[in-house]
Amino acid sequence: MDKQLIQQCGDELYQALTKRETLRPFTERFEDITINDAYHISLRMVERRVEAGARIIGKKIGVTSKAVQNMLNVHQPDFGYLTDDMAFSQGEEMPISEKLIQPKAEGEIAFILKKDLIGPGITNADVLAATECVMPCFEIVDSRIENWQIKIQDTVADNASCGLFVLGDNAVSPSQVDLSTCGMVVEKNGQIISTGAGAAALGSPVNCVTWLANTLGEFGIPLKAGEVILSGSLVPLEPVQAGDFMTVSIGGIGSASVRFT
């Protein structure tokens, strides 16, 4: 794809975001679109958000668990950028009916960095040494693509289907919890709907952050001290709507909850 078409696609996504509209999949419209093209489209979309006043505060890894890969029929991870207008506080109501189009909630472990990570060559030990703490998290993903009919290029272009997120109040050192075996329980409106463990995300959430640091390193992009890194869902995606209340509990880390309006 040439630069003009990439810019056009990024602008289309930004307009879809602001107007809460969906687009026909890019993979249907452009048969030759590559993952590299899609990342450049995503950068244009994020550039438009920053121009409008948003600030980048972190990154997210998407499509890490087999459960999510099978739901979306997307079989490799991707990444996107988190902005300050995506973040909500524990206990704060989240107005998905005003901000999102076709939201789905997923439970994750968030990493807060105290040192930069610049790939390639980053190891799991590097990630753990650079992590200030881990926290429980709900990410509410959304898609600007019609009916979630996405291939990997579509979700990559759409900033890895970023929507909104909320962090729990509790933070622990990564050395205090086994991030591969820690269990997750997700409740919706008082009922347990899914369970998972750290190993669901590429074997460990640490593997996910290592993958992200090395993948971004190929683009010359660092993970920065102070950034929030969402490491990927450990459970299937759950459609949500106004009125729903969800809680995620992670063994050894804590819980996060969110009420949707």
Foldseek 3Di string as FASTA:
>chain_A
DDPVVLLVLLVVLLVCQVVVAADAFVCVVDVPDDLVSLLSSQVNVVVVVVVVPWDWFAKEKEDQFPQACVVLVEHDIAMFTDTPVQEDEFPDAAACVVRAHWKWKFKFKKFAFQAKQADDPDDLVNLLVGTPWIWIKIFIFHASHPPSNDYSSRCSNSRVRGGHMYTYPWTDRPVQDDQQAKKKWKDKPRHTDWIFGQCRGVHHLSVQVNVVNHVVNVVVDMGGHRGMYTSYGGIHIGTDDAQMKMKMAIPRTGIGIYHYD
